[in-house]
Amino acid sequence: MRNLSTKQRVIGGAVTLLVLGVVGLVYAAWTANGTGSGYAKAGTAQALSTVDVSASTTASLYPGTDGNVLIRIKNPNPYPVTVTSVNGNGTISADATHATAGCTNANTGVTYTNQATNIVVPANNGETETTLNNAAHMSNASDNGCQGATFTIPVTLSGASSAP
């Protein structure tokens, strides 16, 4: 067997170190780990509203009876909402023409019964119209001037997101 010269041993050692260095760099280039944070921000829910449908309301109220309440709900949120209750929230009033004919807030004789519902309103300014059957009542004390009046019934809508 032949003995290697010092020069050959130095070159061999340098080549070995160079190969190990390249392998180490390749390994470092292919594996990487780390930590950090990602971020998401929740939007703020916007209030639902109702849309005036008085022109398409059908007469169903008479003294001593229950009648239907027509409601159209608008949803400005970017997700669908399921309305679970529609509750009365204020004084029921007659339209301006009938109010001047004696059907004032004090003597409309109209009351509203709170409603548990399951009304889905689509996202992005979607609207849903529904009839709340027998939700209004007109007493026998209703003023004669209330004949033919359209009544505005203030309500509070409650619900939650119904997004999948």
Protein backbone atom coordinates (compact mmCIF):
# COMPACT_ATOMS: atom_id res chain seq x y z
CA MET A 1 0.00 0.00 0.00
CA ARG A 2 1.30 3.35 -0.78
CA ASN A 3 1.65 6.23 1.67
CA LEU A 4 -0.11 9.47 0.89
CA SER A 5 1.88 12.62 0.91
CA THR A 6 1.11 15.41 3.31
CA LYS A 7 -0.19 17.48 0.44
CA GLN A 8 -2.62 14.75 -0.59
CA ARG A 9 -3.81 14.31 3.01
CA VAL A 10 -4.46 18.05 3.36
CA ILE A 11 -6.37 18.12 0.06
CA GLY A 12 -8.34 15.01 1.08
CA GLY A 13 -9.21 16.55 4.46
CA ALA A 14 -10.22 19.85 2.82
CA VAL A 15 -12.45 18.02 0.33
CA THR A 16 -14.05 16.06 3.17
CA LEU A 17 -14.72 19.24 5.14
CA LEU A 18 -16.07 20.95 2.03
CA VAL A 19 -18.47 18.05 1.32
CA LEU A 20 -19.67 18.01 4.94
CA GLY A 21 -20.17 21.80 4.82
CA VAL A 22 -22.23 21.57 1.60
CA VAL A 23 -24.35 18.74 3.06
CA GLY A 24 -24.95 20.87 6.18
CA LEU A 25 -26.04 23.86 4.08
CA VAL A 26 -28.36 21.73 1.96
CA TYR A 27 -29.92 20.28 5.12
CA ALA A 28 -30.35 23.79 6.56
CA ALA A 29 -31.88 25.01 3.31
CA TRP A 30 -34.49 22.24 3.28
CA THR A 31 -35.60 22.30 6.88
CA ALA A 32 -36.93 25.33 8.64
CA ASN A 33 -38.98 25.81 11.77
CA GLY A 34 -40.32 28.85 13.55
CA THR A 35 -43.08 30.36 15.63
CA GLY A 36 -45.21 33.47 15.37
CA SER A 37 -48.83 34.61 15.28
CA GLY A 38 -51.61 34.89 12.72
CA TYR A 39 -54.44 37.39 13.03
CA ALA A 40 -58.19 37.49 12.38
CA LYS A 41 -60.67 40.18 13.30
CA ALA A 42 -64.38 39.74 14.04
CA GLY A 43 -66.85 42.11 12.46
CA THR A 44 -69.54 43.97 14.36
CA ALA A 45 -73.15 42.90 13.89
CA GLN A 46 -75.43 45.53 12.43
CA ALA A 47 -79.01 46.02 13.57
CA LEU A 48 -81.84 44.44 11.64
CA SER A 49 -84.57 46.80 10.47
CA THR A 50 -88.10 46.63 9.15
CA VAL A 51 -89.30 47.94 5.81
CA ASP A 52 -92.64 49.76 5.38
CA VAL A 53 -95.15 47.34 3.87
CA SER A 54 -98.24 49.30 4.88
CA ALA A 55 -99.44 49.59 1.28
CA SER A 56 -99.65 45.80 0.90
CA THR A 57 -101.22 45.09 4.29
CA THR A 58 -104.58 43.29 4.13
CA ALA A 59 -107.42 44.32 6.44
CA SER A 60 -107.90 41.63 9.08
CA LEU A 61 -108.59 43.66 12.25
CA TYR A 62 -112.10 44.31 13.52
CA PRO A 63 -113.31 45.21 17.03
CA GLY A 64 -113.13 42.17 19.28
CA THR A 65 -110.91 40.09 16.95
CA ASP A 66 -107.32 39.16 16.32
CA GLY A 67 -105.66 40.13 13.07
CA ASN A 68 -102.46 39.47 11.18
CA VAL A 69 -99.33 41.62 11.25
CA LEU A 70 -97.27 41.88 8.07
CA ILE A 71 -93.55 42.47 8.58
CA ARG A 72 -90.60 42.72 6.20
CA ILE A 73 -87.19 42.40 7.84
CA LYS A 74 -83.97 43.68 6.26
CA ASN A 75 -80.55 42.26 7.17
CA PRO A 76 -77.48 44.45 6.40
CA ASN A 77 -75.04 41.84 7.78
CA PRO A 78 -72.74 39.75 5.56
CA TYR A 79 -74.27 36.57 7.02
CA PRO A 80 -77.85 35.25 7.26
CA VAL A 81 -79.76 35.85 10.48
CA THR A 82 -82.55 33.79 12.05
CA VAL A 83 -85.03 36.02 13.89
CA THR A 84 -86.29 34.13 16.94
CA SER A 85 -88.66 36.71 18.40
CA VAL A 86 -90.63 39.78 17.36
CA ASN A 87 -91.71 41.71 20.46
CA GLY A 88 -93.80 44.85 20.81
CA ASN A 89 -91.77 47.94 21.63
CA GLY A 90 -93.85 51.07 22.01
CA THR A 91 -97.12 52.78 21.31
CA ILE A 92 -99.22 51.49 18.43
CA SER A 93 -100.39 54.33 16.20
CA ALA A 94 -102.80 54.78 13.30
CA ASP A 95 -101.81 56.33 9.99
CA ALA A 96 -101.93 60.15 9.87
CA THR A 97 -105.29 60.36 8.04
CA HIS A 98 -107.09 58.26 10.62
CA ALA A 99 -105.30 59.84 13.58
CA THR A 100 -106.84 63.18 12.63
CA ALA A 101 -110.23 61.46 12.33
CA GLY A 102 -110.16 60.47 16.02
CA CYS A 103 -108.10 57.27 15.96
CA THR A 104 -105.38 58.56 18.25
CA ASN A 105 -102.76 56.57 20.15
CA ALA A 106 -104.96 56.62 23.25
CA ASN A 107 -107.97 55.03 21.59
CA THR A 108 -106.84 52.72 18.79
CA GLY A 109 -107.77 49.74 20.95
CA VAL A 110 -105.01 47.78 19.19
CA THR A 111 -102.53 45.62 21.10
CA TYR A 112 -99.75 43.32 19.94
CA THR A 113 -98.88 39.82 21.22
CA ASN A 114 -95.15 39.02 21.29
CA GLN A 115 -94.19 36.29 18.82
CA ALA A 116 -91.65 33.47 18.96
CA THR A 117 -90.48 33.00 15.38
CA ASN A 118 -88.02 31.22 13.15
CA ILE A 119 -87.61 33.74 10.32
CA VAL A 120 -84.44 33.41 8.24
CA VAL A 121 -83.31 36.68 6.64
CA PRO A 122 -80.65 36.40 3.92
CA ALA A 123 -77.30 38.20 4.11
CA ASN A 124 -76.15 41.42 2.43
CA ASN A 125 -79.28 43.59 2.65
CA GLY A 126 -81.51 40.60 2.06
CA GLU A 127 -85.18 40.95 2.98
CA THR A 128 -87.80 38.50 4.16
CA GLU A 129 -91.49 39.26 4.39
CA THR A 130 -93.74 37.22 6.64
CA THR A 131 -97.17 37.34 8.19
CA LEU A 132 -97.49 36.97 11.95
CA ASN A 133 -100.90 35.34 12.21
CA ASN A 134 -103.27 36.74 14.85
CA ALA A 135 -100.48 38.83 16.44
CA ALA A 136 -102.61 42.00 16.72
CA HIS A 137 -105.87 42.42 18.64
CA MET A 138 -108.47 45.18 18.37
CA SER A 139 -110.69 45.70 21.37
CA ASN A 140 -114.30 46.80 21.31
CA ALA A 141 -113.09 50.12 22.76
CA SER A 142 -111.48 51.09 19.45
CA ASP A 143 -112.65 54.51 18.23
CA ASN A 144 -115.05 54.59 15.27
CA GLY A 145 -112.47 56.76 13.45
CA CYS A 146 -110.14 53.74 13.29
CA GLN A 147 -112.17 52.10 10.52
CA GLY A 148 -109.84 51.44 7.56
CA ALA A 149 -106.74 52.59 9.46
CA THR A 150 -103.32 51.05 8.97
CA PHE A 151 -101.58 50.64 12.32
CA THR A 152 -97.84 50.97 12.91
CA ILE A 153 -96.68 48.50 15.54
CA PRO A 154 -93.15 49.21 16.84
CA VAL A 155 -91.23 45.97 17.40
CA THR A 156 -87.89 44.69 18.64
CA LEU A 157 -86.30 41.89 16.62
CA SER A 158 -84.07 39.30 18.28
CA GLY A 159 -82.06 36.59 16.58
CA ALA A 160 -78.64 35.24 15.77
CA SER A 161 -76.40 34.35 12.89
CA SER A 162 -77.56 31.32 10.96
CA ALA A 163 -74.39 31.01 8.92
CA PRO A 164 -73.25 27.43 8.38
